[in-house]
Protein backbone atom coordinates (compact mmCIF):
# COMPACT_ATOMS: atom_id res chain seq x y z
CA UNK A 1 66.19 -71.75 -49.19
CA UNK A 2 64.40 -70.57 -52.34
CA UNK A 3 65.85 -68.72 -55.18
CA UNK A 4 65.80 -65.01 -54.76
CA UNK A 5 66.96 -63.07 -57.85
CA UNK A 6 68.88 -60.00 -57.29
CA UNK A 7 67.60 -57.94 -60.11
CA UNK A 8 63.97 -58.30 -59.37
CA UNK A 9 61.76 -56.40 -57.35
CA UNK A 10 59.27 -58.15 -54.73
CA UNK A 11 56.13 -57.25 -52.75
CA UNK A 12 55.63 -58.56 -49.31
CA UNK A 13 52.97 -60.89 -50.99
CA UNK A 14 55.56 -62.61 -52.92
CA UNK A 15 54.83 -61.48 -56.53
CA UNK A 16 58.27 -60.16 -58.45
CA UNK A 17 58.50 -57.60 -61.00
CA UNK A 18 61.22 -57.13 -63.73
CA UNK A 19 61.84 -53.94 -65.56
CA UNK A 20 62.50 -54.92 -69.25
CA UNK A 21 64.75 -53.28 -71.58
CA UNK A 22 61.62 -51.67 -73.38
CA UNK A 23 60.50 -50.21 -70.27
CA UNK A 24 57.79 -52.67 -69.69
CA UNK A 25 57.35 -54.69 -66.38
CA UNK A 26 57.04 -58.37 -66.36
CA UNK A 27 55.07 -59.93 -63.09
CA UNK A 28 55.08 -63.26 -61.60
CA UNK A 29 55.34 -64.96 -58.32
CA UNK A 30 58.57 -65.85 -56.26
CA UNK A 31 60.03 -69.26 -55.98
CA UNK A 32 59.22 -69.09 -52.16
CA UNK A 33 55.56 -68.30 -53.03
CA UNK A 34 55.50 -71.27 -55.62
CA UNK A 35 56.97 -73.75 -53.20
CA UNK A 36 54.56 -72.60 -50.42
CA UNK A 37 51.60 -73.21 -52.61
CA UNK A 38 52.64 -76.61 -53.85
CA UNK A 39 51.43 -77.87 -57.23
CA UNK A 40 49.78 -75.12 -59.29
CA UNK A 41 46.84 -76.33 -60.87
CA UNK A 42 45.14 -73.15 -62.20
CA UNK A 43 46.15 -69.53 -62.91
CA UNK A 44 43.49 -66.81 -63.52
CA UNK A 45 45.29 -63.66 -65.13
CA UNK A 46 43.97 -60.27 -66.16
CA UNK A 47 42.69 -59.45 -69.70
CA UNK A 48 45.31 -57.89 -72.37
CA UNK A 49 44.32 -54.43 -72.86
CA UNK A 50 42.69 -54.17 -69.01
CA UNK A 51 44.41 -51.85 -66.44
CA UNK A 52 45.67 -52.92 -63.13
CA UNK A 53 46.66 -50.75 -60.09
CA UNK A 54 49.48 -51.09 -57.82
CA UNK A 55 48.56 -53.02 -54.49
CA UNK A 56 45.52 -54.45 -56.34
CA UNK A 57 44.33 -57.86 -57.18
CA UNK A 58 45.08 -58.75 -60.63
CA UNK A 59 44.70 -62.44 -60.68
CA UNK A 60 44.59 -65.69 -58.90
CA UNK A 61 46.79 -68.65 -58.63
CA UNK A 62 45.30 -71.91 -57.51
CA UNK A 63 47.38 -74.92 -56.12
CA UNK A 64 46.35 -78.39 -54.59
CA UNK A 65 46.79 -76.46 -51.40
CA UNK A 66 44.95 -73.20 -51.61
CA UNK A 67 44.04 -70.15 -53.86
CA UNK A 68 45.96 -66.93 -53.59
CA UNK A 69 45.46 -63.44 -54.97
CA UNK A 70 48.02 -62.04 -57.24
CA UNK A 71 48.72 -58.39 -56.76
CA UNK A 72 50.15 -56.05 -59.13
CA UNK A 73 53.41 -54.20 -58.05
CA UNK A 74 52.68 -51.49 -60.46
CA UNK A 75 49.66 -49.53 -62.55
CA UNK A 76 49.37 -49.74 -65.84
CA UNK A 77 47.92 -51.64 -68.97
CA UNK A 78 48.43 -55.24 -69.25
CA UNK A 79 50.02 -55.68 -72.61
CA UNK A 80 50.76 -59.68 -72.39
CA UNK A 81 49.49 -62.48 -70.58
CA UNK A 82 51.48 -65.92 -70.32
CA UNK A 83 48.91 -67.97 -72.38
CA UNK A 84 51.21 -71.03 -71.79
CA UNK A 85 49.96 -71.14 -68.28
CA UNK A 86 46.32 -71.84 -69.38
CA UNK A 87 47.35 -75.45 -70.51
CA UNK A 88 50.44 -75.85 -68.15
CA UNK A 89 50.01 -74.32 -64.80
CA UNK A 90 52.88 -76.52 -63.37
CA UNK A 91 55.27 -74.25 -65.52
CA UNK A 92 54.98 -71.51 -62.52
CA UNK A 93 56.44 -74.50 -59.92
CA UNK A 94 59.15 -75.45 -62.75
CA UNK A 95 60.28 -71.97 -63.75
CA UNK A 96 58.75 -69.45 -61.50
CA UNK A 97 61.24 -66.46 -62.72
CA UNK A 98 61.37 -67.45 -66.48
CA UNK A 99 58.85 -69.59 -68.54
CA UNK A 100 56.31 -69.12 -65.41
CA UNK A 101 55.73 -65.27 -65.65
CA UNK A 102 52.02 -64.13 -65.41
CA UNK A 103 51.72 -60.84 -67.19
CA UNK A 104 53.53 -57.72 -68.64
CA UNK A 105 52.38 -54.21 -68.12
CA UNK A 106 53.07 -50.99 -69.70
CA UNK A 107 53.64 -49.11 -66.64
CA UNK A 108 52.19 -45.62 -65.86
CA UNK A 109 55.18 -44.80 -63.69
CA UNK A 110 57.95 -47.18 -63.05
CA UNK A 111 58.94 -45.05 -59.75
CA UNK A 112 55.79 -47.01 -58.25
CA UNK A 113 58.36 -50.02 -57.69
CA UNK A 114 60.57 -47.82 -55.63
CA UNK A 115 58.52 -48.94 -52.74
CA UNK A 116 59.17 -52.49 -53.42
CA UNK A 117 61.51 -54.90 -51.75
CA UNK A 118 64.89 -55.54 -53.19
CA UNK A 119 66.30 -59.11 -52.95
CA UNK A 120 67.95 -58.65 -49.30
CA UNK A 121 64.49 -57.19 -48.08
CA UNK A 122 62.57 -60.00 -49.58
CA UNK A 123 64.39 -62.75 -48.24
CA UNK A 124 63.99 -61.12 -44.78
CA UNK A 125 60.19 -61.29 -45.18
CA UNK A 126 60.45 -65.15 -46.66
CA UNK A 127 62.62 -66.19 -43.98
CA UNK A 128 60.40 -64.66 -41.23
CA UNK A 129 57.24 -66.51 -42.51
CA UNK A 130 59.16 -69.76 -41.63
């Protein structure tokens, strides 16, 4: 079974969100998602300074198997992207929750995450996918 961290919020589309101590939100894809994708070969991230909207496409992750859209779990301004993924996209496979994060957002309203799944809810989604 894939690792599912209890402190994170999840989308059914397999993105995770972590509210940091400074109120920003870090976003990436779950261990289950990276495992399903296989070897990640390219990640397209939003530009720093751009705005993302909850539930809207914010980037793309490509693997040897498929390309998948990345959806933002929250609305706000992109304040950082993980530039290391440009040269080392495989980091998403190796460390999806730590070094393989995608981007950070200064949220307009963190209450938007109230609709996201907790670890147990996401576990049910992941298990039901087979």
